[in-house]
C-alpha atoms as a PDB file:
ATOM      1  CA  MET A   1      -0.623 -55.829  57.285  1.00  0.00           C
ATOM      2  CA  LEU A   2      -0.211 -58.428  54.573  1.00  0.00           C
ATOM      3  CA  ASN A   3      -3.824 -57.961  53.498  1.00  0.00           C
ATOM      4  CA  ASN A   4      -3.308 -54.214  53.220  1.00  0.00           C
ATOM      5  CA  GLN A   5      -0.214 -54.705  51.016  1.00  0.00           C
ATOM      6  CA  THR A   6      -2.114 -57.175  48.877  1.00  0.00           C
ATOM      7  CA  MET A   7      -4.957 -54.708  48.456  1.00  0.00           C
ATOM      8  CA  ILE A   8      -2.481 -51.940  47.558  1.00  0.00           C
ATOM      9  CA  ARG A   9      -0.853 -54.131  44.850  1.00  0.00           C
ATOM     10  CA  LYS A  10      -4.279 -55.047  43.446  1.00  0.00           C
ATOM     11  CA  ASN A  11      -5.285 -51.393  43.395  1.00  0.00           C
ATOM     12  CA  ARG A  12      -2.070 -50.497  41.562  1.00  0.00           C
ATOM     13  CA  LYS A  13      -2.668 -53.201  38.998  1.00  0.00           C
ATOM     14  CA  THR A  14      -6.161 -51.902  38.474  1.00  0.00           C
ATOM     15  CA  ILE A  15      -4.898 -48.376  38.035  1.00  0.00           C
ATOM     16  CA  TYR A  16      -2.154 -49.496  35.603  1.00  0.00           C
ATOM     17  CA  LEU A  17      -4.670 -51.553  33.645  1.00  0.00           C
ATOM     18  CA  GLY A  18      -7.056 -48.593  33.526  1.00  0.00           C
ATOM     19  CA  LEU A  19      -4.248 -46.322  32.319  1.00  0.00           C
ATOM     20  CA  ILE A  20      -3.297 -48.793  29.556  1.00  0.00           C
ATOM     21  CA  VAL A  21      -6.923 -49.029  28.437  1.00  0.00           C
ATOM     22  CA  LEU A  22      -7.203 -45.231  28.477  1.00  0.00           C
ATOM     23  CA  VAL A  23      -4.018 -44.818  26.406  1.00  0.00           C
ATOM     24  CA  LEU A  24      -5.189 -47.432  23.892  1.00  0.00           C
ATOM     25  CA  ALA A  25      -8.607 -45.795  23.676  1.00  0.00           C
ATOM     26  CA  LEU A  26      -7.021 -42.402  23.095  1.00  0.00           C
ATOM     27  CA  ALA A  27      -4.683 -43.825  20.437  1.00  0.00           C
ATOM     28  CA  LEU A  28      -7.555 -45.484  18.692  1.00  0.00           C
ATOM     29  CA  TYR A  29      -9.515 -42.238  18.766  1.00  0.00           C
ATOM     30  CA  VAL A  30      -6.593 -40.221  17.403  1.00  0.00           C
ATOM     31  CA  PHE A  31      -5.509 -42.673  14.723  1.00  0.00           C
ATOM     32  CA  SER A  32      -8.834 -44.366  13.873  1.00  0.00           C
ATOM     33  CA  GLY A  33      -9.488 -42.044  10.941  1.00  0.00           C
ATOM     34  CA  THR A  34      -6.086 -42.856   9.413  1.00  0.00           C
ATOM     35  CA  LEU A  35      -6.491 -46.624   9.968  1.00  0.00           C
ATOM     36  CA  LEU A  36     -10.018 -46.753   8.600  1.00  0.00           C
ATOM     37  CA  THR A  37      -9.096 -44.583   5.613  1.00  0.00           C
ATOM     38  CA  GLY A  38      -6.234 -46.925   4.900  1.00  0.00           C
ATOM     39  CA  MET A  39      -8.615 -49.857   5.000  1.00  0.00           C
ATOM     40  CA  GLY A  40     -10.914 -48.080   2.628  1.00  0.00           C
ATOM     41  CA  LYS A  41      -8.186 -47.061   0.163  1.00  0.00           C
ATOM     42  CA  PHE A  42      -6.590 -50.517   0.028  1.00  0.00           C
ATOM     43  CA  LEU A  43      -9.677 -51.927  -1.698  1.00  0.00           C
ATOM     44  CA  VAL A  44      -9.495 -49.401  -4.553  1.00  0.00           C
ATOM     45  CA  VAL A  45      -7.406 -49.843  -7.730  1.00  0.00           C
ATOM     46  CA  ASP A  46      -7.848 -47.307 -10.539  1.00  0.00           C
ATOM     47  CA  GLU A  47      -5.398 -47.661 -13.422  1.00  0.00           C
ATOM     48  CA  THR A  48      -4.897 -45.525 -16.493  1.00  0.00           C
ATOM     49  CA  PRO A  49      -5.798 -47.916 -19.292  1.00  0.00           C
ATOM     50  CA  ALA A  50      -4.381 -48.325 -22.780  1.00  0.00           C
ATOM     51  CA  VAL A  51      -6.554 -48.613 -25.855  1.00  0.00           C
ATOM     52  CA  SER A  52      -8.281 -51.994 -25.441  1.00  0.00           C
ATOM     53  CA  ASP A  53     -10.471 -54.411 -27.310  1.00  0.00           C
ATOM     54  CA  ALA A  54     -13.295 -53.971 -24.801  1.00  0.00           C
ATOM     55  CA  VAL A  55     -14.353 -52.611 -21.437  1.00  0.00           C
ATOM     56  CA  VAL A  56     -16.085 -55.303 -19.421  1.00  0.00           C
ATOM     57  CA  VAL A  57     -18.834 -54.149 -17.028  1.00  0.00           C
ATOM     58  CA  LEU A  58     -18.947 -56.495 -14.063  1.00  0.00           C
ATOM     59  CA  ASN A  59     -22.467 -57.483 -13.080  1.00  0.00           C
ATOM     60  CA  THR A  60     -22.188 -59.243  -9.775  1.00  0.00           C
ATOM     61  CA  GLY A  61     -22.376 -57.016  -6.701  1.00  0.00           C
ATOM     62  CA  ILE A  62     -24.111 -53.681  -6.207  1.00  0.00           C
ATOM     63  CA  GLU A  63     -24.244 -50.186  -7.674  1.00  0.00           C
ATOM     64  CA  TYR A  64     -24.361 -51.479 -11.257  1.00  0.00           C
ATOM     65  CA  TYR A  65     -25.315 -48.307 -13.153  1.00  0.00           C
ATOM     66  CA  PRO A  66     -22.215 -46.244 -12.178  1.00  0.00           C
ATOM     67  CA  ARG A  67     -20.211 -49.088 -13.719  1.00  0.00           C
ATOM     68  CA  LEU A  68     -22.202 -48.802 -16.911  1.00  0.00           C
ATOM     69  CA  ILE A  69     -21.636 -45.066 -17.031  1.00  0.00           C
ATOM     70  CA  GLU A  70     -17.913 -45.536 -16.470  1.00  0.00           C
ATOM     71  CA  ALA A  71     -17.801 -47.925 -19.422  1.00  0.00           C
ATOM     72  CA  VAL A  72     -19.440 -45.293 -21.593  1.00  0.00           C
ATOM     73  CA  GLU A  73     -16.832 -42.709 -20.555  1.00  0.00           C
ATOM     74  CA  LEU A  74     -13.999 -45.107 -21.445  1.00  0.00           C
ATOM     75  CA  PHE A  75     -15.658 -45.836 -24.796  1.00  0.00           C
ATOM     76  CA  ARG A  76     -16.129 -42.129 -25.555  1.00  0.00           C
ATOM     77  CA  LYS A  77     -12.473 -41.394 -24.759  1.00  0.00           C
ATOM     78  CA  GLY A  78     -11.362 -44.067 -27.179  1.00  0.00           C
ATOM     79  CA  PHE A  79     -10.019 -46.515 -24.617  1.00  0.00           C
ATOM     80  CA  ALA A  80     -12.410 -49.332 -25.602  1.00  0.00           C
ATOM     81  CA  ARG A  81     -13.699 -50.478 -28.947  1.00  0.00           C
ATOM     82  CA  LYS A  82     -16.533 -52.555 -27.452  1.00  0.00           C
ATOM     83  CA  ILE A  83     -18.540 -52.586 -24.243  1.00  0.00           C
ATOM     84  CA  VAL A  84     -19.232 -56.031 -22.824  1.00  0.00           C
ATOM     85  CA  ILE A  85     -22.174 -56.529 -20.476  1.00  0.00           C
ATOM     86  CA  ASN A  86     -23.398 -59.725 -18.882  1.00  0.00           C
ATOM     87  CA  GLY A  87     -26.355 -60.957 -16.885  1.00  0.00           C
ATOM     88  CA  ASN A  88     -29.295 -63.359 -17.110  1.00  0.00           C
ATOM     89  CA  ARG A  89     -28.405 -65.177 -13.878  1.00  0.00           C
ATOM     90  CA  LYS A  90     -30.862 -67.948 -13.141  1.00  0.00           C
ATOM     91  CA  THR A  91     -31.471 -69.391  -9.705  1.00  0.00           C
ATOM     92  CA  ASP A  92     -33.021 -72.816  -9.152  1.00  0.00           C
ATOM     93  CA  THR A  93     -36.306 -71.095  -8.214  1.00  0.00           C
ATOM     94  CA  LEU A  94     -36.351 -69.108 -11.424  1.00  0.00           C
ATOM     95  CA  ARG A  95     -35.702 -72.245 -13.444  1.00  0.00           C
ATOM     96  CA  ARG A  96     -38.652 -73.955 -11.789  1.00  0.00           C
ATOM     97  CA  LEU A  97     -40.854 -71.031 -12.590  1.00  0.00           C
ATOM     98  CA  GLU A  98     -39.685 -71.110 -16.241  1.00  0.00           C
ATOM     99  CA  LYS A  99     -40.637 -74.764 -16.399  1.00  0.00           C
ATOM    100  CA  LYS A 100     -44.145 -73.759 -15.276  1.00  0.00           C
ATOM    101  CA  GLY A 101     -44.372 -71.347 -18.196  1.00  0.00           C
ATOM    102  CA  PHE A 102     -42.967 -68.074 -16.813  1.00  0.00           C
ATOM    103  CA  LYS A 103     -41.487 -65.799 -19.461  1.00  0.00           C
ATOM    104  CA  PRO A 104     -39.823 -62.442 -18.739  1.00  0.00           C
ATOM    105  CA  CYS A 105     -41.297 -59.356 -20.294  1.00  0.00           C
ATOM    106  CA  CYS A 106     -38.134 -58.559 -22.218  1.00  0.00           C
ATOM    107  CA  PRO A 107     -34.576 -59.831 -22.758  1.00  0.00           C
ATOM    108  CA  TRP A 108     -32.292 -59.362 -19.764  1.00  0.00           C
ATOM    109  CA  TYR A 109     -30.041 -56.952 -21.622  1.00  0.00           C
ATOM    110  CA  GLU A 110     -32.788 -54.690 -22.963  1.00  0.00           C
ATOM    111  CA  ASP A 111     -32.630 -51.870 -20.379  1.00  0.00           C
ATOM    112  CA  ARG A 112     -28.835 -51.883 -20.267  1.00  0.00           C
ATOM    113  CA  ILE A 113     -28.496 -51.533 -24.015  1.00  0.00           C
ATOM    114  CA  ARG A 114     -31.123 -48.795 -24.007  1.00  0.00           C
ATOM    115  CA  ILE A 115     -29.074 -46.889 -21.447  1.00  0.00           C
ATOM    116  CA  LEU A 116     -25.862 -47.326 -23.418  1.00  0.00           C
ATOM    117  CA  VAL A 117     -27.555 -46.149 -26.652  1.00  0.00           C
ATOM    118  CA  LEU A 118     -29.081 -43.225 -24.821  1.00  0.00           C
ATOM    119  CA  LEU A 119     -25.569 -42.239 -23.704  1.00  0.00           C
ATOM    120  CA  GLY A 120     -24.173 -42.394 -27.237  1.00  0.00           C
ATOM    121  CA  VAL A 121     -22.887 -45.963 -27.670  1.00  0.00           C
ATOM    122  CA  PRO A 122     -23.932 -47.587 -30.944  1.00  0.00           C
ATOM    123  CA  GLU A 123     -25.738 -50.870 -30.311  1.00  0.00           C
ATOM    124  CA  GLU A 124     -23.371 -52.707 -32.614  1.00  0.00           C
ATOM    125  CA  ASN A 125     -20.572 -51.892 -30.239  1.00  0.00           C
ATOM    126  CA  VAL A 126     -22.230 -53.667 -27.326  1.00  0.00           C
ATOM    127  CA  ILE A 127     -21.588 -57.366 -26.624  1.00  0.00           C
ATOM    128  CA  ALA A 128     -24.123 -59.023 -24.307  1.00  0.00           C
ATOM    129  CA  VAL A 129     -22.949 -62.265 -22.626  1.00  0.00           C
ATOM    130  CA  SER A 130     -25.528 -64.519 -21.035  1.00  0.00           C
ATOM    131  CA  ALA A 131     -23.951 -65.766 -17.776  1.00  0.00           C
ATOM    132  CA  GLU A 132     -26.738 -67.784 -16.219  1.00  0.00           C
ATOM    133  CA  LYS A 133     -24.541 -69.412 -13.580  1.00  0.00           C
ATOM    134  CA  ALA A 134     -22.515 -66.382 -12.583  1.00  0.00           C
ATOM    135  CA  TYR A 135     -23.205 -65.797  -8.913  1.00  0.00           C
ATOM    136  CA  ASP A 136     -19.913 -64.215  -7.766  1.00  0.00           C
ATOM    137  CA  THR A 137     -16.812 -62.525  -9.220  1.00  0.00           C
ATOM    138  CA  ILE A 138     -15.041 -65.839  -9.895  1.00  0.00           C
ATOM    139  CA  SER A 139     -17.853 -67.565 -11.733  1.00  0.00           C
ATOM    140  CA  GLU A 140     -18.568 -64.344 -13.639  1.00  0.00           C
ATOM    141  CA  ALA A 141     -14.934 -64.035 -14.739  1.00  0.00           C
ATOM    142  CA  LYS A 142     -14.939 -67.666 -15.946  1.00  0.00           C
ATOM    143  CA  ALA A 143     -18.205 -67.268 -17.917  1.00  0.00           C
ATOM    144  CA  VAL A 144     -17.452 -63.881 -19.514  1.00  0.00           C
ATOM    145  CA  GLY A 145     -13.706 -64.416 -20.014  1.00  0.00           C
ATOM    146  CA  LYS A 146     -14.369 -67.620 -21.947  1.00  0.00           C
ATOM    147  CA  VAL A 147     -16.429 -65.684 -24.483  1.00  0.00           C
ATOM    148  CA  LEU A 148     -13.805 -62.959 -24.784  1.00  0.00           C
ATOM    149  CA  VAL A 149     -11.053 -65.559 -25.396  1.00  0.00           C
ATOM    150  CA  GLN A 150     -13.188 -67.099 -28.172  1.00  0.00           C
ATOM    151  CA  LYS A 151     -13.537 -63.649 -29.729  1.00  0.00           C
ATOM    152  CA  GLY A 152      -9.793 -63.238 -29.750  1.00  0.00           C
ATOM    153  CA  PHE A 153      -9.636 -60.258 -27.426  1.00  0.00           C
ATOM    154  CA  LYS A 154      -6.192 -59.558 -26.030  1.00  0.00           C
ATOM    155  CA  THR A 155      -6.552 -56.373 -23.995  1.00  0.00           C
ATOM    156  CA  ILE A 156      -9.509 -55.580 -21.733  1.00  0.00           C
ATOM    157  CA  ILE A 157     -10.563 -53.057 -19.091  1.00  0.00           C
ATOM    158  CA  ILE A 158     -12.508 -54.233 -16.100  1.00  0.00           C
ATOM    159  CA  THR A 159     -14.863 -51.679 -14.578  1.00  0.00           C
ATOM    160  CA  THR A 160     -16.589 -52.227 -11.279  1.00  0.00           C
ATOM    161  CA  SER A 161     -17.446 -50.525  -8.021  1.00  0.00           C
ATOM    162  CA  LYS A 162     -14.506 -48.759  -6.349  1.00  0.00           C
ATOM    163  CA  PHE A 163     -14.292 -51.087  -3.334  1.00  0.00           C
ATOM    164  CA  HIS A 164     -14.461 -54.114  -5.622  1.00  0.00           C
ATOM    165  CA  THR A 165     -11.629 -53.178  -7.996  1.00  0.00           C
ATOM    166  CA  ARG A 166      -8.632 -54.782  -6.226  1.00  0.00           C
ATOM    167  CA  ARG A 167     -10.309 -58.144  -5.748  1.00  0.00           C
ATOM    168  CA  ALA A 168     -11.765 -58.168  -9.237  1.00  0.00           C
ATOM    169  CA  ARG A 169      -8.359 -57.453 -10.769  1.00  0.00           C
ATOM    170  CA  HIS A 170      -6.758 -60.195  -8.638  1.00  0.00           C
ATOM    171  CA  ILE A 171      -9.366 -62.724  -9.715  1.00  0.00           C
ATOM    172  CA  TRP A 172      -9.264 -61.920 -13.434  1.00  0.00           C
ATOM    173  CA  LYS A 173      -5.469 -61.930 -13.550  1.00  0.00           C
ATOM    174  CA  SER A 174      -5.300 -65.174 -11.609  1.00  0.00           C
ATOM    175  CA  ILE A 175      -7.722 -66.909 -14.033  1.00  0.00           C
ATOM    176  CA  TYR A 176      -6.282 -65.381 -17.190  1.00  0.00           C
ATOM    177  CA  PRO A 177      -2.561 -64.798 -16.506  1.00  0.00           C
ATOM    178  CA  GLU A 178      -1.645 -64.920 -20.176  1.00  0.00           C
ATOM    179  CA  ALA A 179      -4.881 -64.629 -22.138  1.00  0.00           C
ATOM    180  CA  PHE A 180      -5.415 -60.892 -21.544  1.00  0.00           C
ATOM    181  CA  LYS A 181      -3.635 -57.682 -20.710  1.00  0.00           C
ATOM    182  CA  ILE A 182      -5.985 -56.460 -17.987  1.00  0.00           C
ATOM    183  CA  TYR A 183      -6.602 -52.899 -16.771  1.00  0.00           C
ATOM    184  CA  THR A 184      -8.939 -51.933 -13.939  1.00  0.00           C
ATOM    185  CA  ALA A 185     -11.107 -48.803 -13.867  1.00  0.00           C
ATOM    186  CA  ALA A 186     -13.145 -47.831 -10.823  1.00  0.00           C
ATOM    187  CA  ALA A 187     -16.633 -46.499 -11.420  1.00  0.00           C
ATOM    188  CA  ARG A 188     -16.044 -42.911 -10.472  1.00  0.00           C
ATOM    189  CA  LYS A 189     -19.730 -42.099  -9.983  1.00  0.00           C
ATOM    190  CA  ASP A 190     -20.421 -44.793  -7.452  1.00  0.00           C
ATOM    191  CA  PRO A 191     -21.004 -43.498  -3.897  1.00  0.00           C
ATOM    192  CA  TYR A 192     -18.222 -45.345  -2.091  1.00  0.00           C
ATOM    193  CA  SER A 193     -15.883 -43.017  -0.151  1.00  0.00           C
ATOM    194  CA  PRO A 194     -12.566 -44.540   1.093  1.00  0.00           C
ATOM    195  CA  GLY A 195     -12.121 -41.617   3.472  1.00  0.00           C
ATOM    196  CA  SER A 196     -15.470 -41.821   5.233  1.00  0.00           C
ATOM    197  CA  TRP A 197     -16.988 -45.214   4.541  1.00  0.00           C
ATOM    198  CA  TRP A 198     -17.431 -45.921   8.305  1.00  0.00           C
ATOM    199  CA  LYS A 199     -19.935 -43.049   8.579  1.00  0.00           C
ATOM    200  CA  GLU A 200     -22.604 -44.664   6.456  1.00  0.00           C
ATOM    201  CA  GLY A 201     -24.340 -47.984   7.087  1.00  0.00           C
ATOM    202  CA  ARG A 202     -24.416 -49.330   3.554  1.00  0.00           C
ATOM    203  CA  GLN A 203     -20.731 -48.512   2.990  1.00  0.00           C
ATOM    204  CA  ILE A 204     -19.837 -50.260   6.239  1.00  0.00           C
ATOM    205  CA  ARG A 205     -21.619 -53.357   4.907  1.00  0.00           C
ATOM    206  CA  TRP A 206     -19.763 -53.062   1.569  1.00  0.00           C
ATOM    207  CA  VAL A 207     -16.327 -52.893   3.245  1.00  0.00           C
ATOM    208  CA  LEU A 208     -16.971 -55.670   5.737  1.00  0.00           C
ATOM    209  CA  ALA A 209     -18.368 -57.895   2.990  1.00  0.00           C
ATOM    210  CA  GLU A 210     -15.422 -57.122   0.733  1.00  0.00           C
ATOM    211  CA  TYR A 211     -12.832 -58.033   3.367  1.00  0.00           C
ATOM    212  CA  GLY A 212     -14.886 -61.147   4.099  1.00  0.00           C
ATOM    213  CA  ALA A 213     -14.706 -62.020   0.423  1.00  0.00           C
ATOM    214  CA  TRP A 214     -10.918 -61.592   0.466  1.00  0.00           C
ATOM    215  CA  PHE A 215     -10.726 -63.934   3.471  1.00  0.00           C
ATOM    216  CA  TYR A 216     -12.827 -66.527   1.687  1.00  0.00           C
ATOM    217  CA  LEU A 217     -10.787 -66.171  -1.492  1.00  0.00           C
ATOM    218  CA  PHE A 218      -7.483 -66.963   0.274  1.00  0.00           C
ATOM    219  CA  ALA A 219      -8.901 -69.484   2.739  1.00  0.00           C
ATOM    220  CA  PHE A 220     -11.217 -71.598   0.662  1.00  0.00           C
ATOM    221  CA  ALA A 221     -11.268 -70.620  -3.037  1.00  0.00           C
END
């Protein structure tokens, strides 16, 4: 009799546990779109800028050309007097190859300036900053921002991929709390979709990597 009662209690616990799991699964199914959309939207900051000394095109990361196009649009609309690009990152392997005599076919900024000129930006309005040691958003901000401070810029617009905007703004404002008035403009033509990012492999990687970068920023940086 005791064994039968024990079995009944165990079966009830199993049933209750199954019901709880089923309810949680249904809730996740019903609300997953809202939760995932919220995760996607949180990463994006897109501000209406004021007229600024320059729009800075961030180089580290992915989907660079939509950022360049966004900078052109801001320049055309009169929000930025200059467009600042950066690049020329050099790894240890590349430096060793250069010591052996390797020379690139053209300057690192050549194609980018050609695109900007093609889209109507006078070459004299482009500032190219060599940032050889810029390997992430923090090192890029330090290298590029230093040059902008030397040039006496006071107001800048940062343009980058949509999912990268909030972290980029946080980093630049943390490093230069008083040097610049900073606005952030998301590259509207980049393919990131806050409302459906979990449906495409590359966007899943972007979001997971971005939240990982936020964790690293607060835990170790």
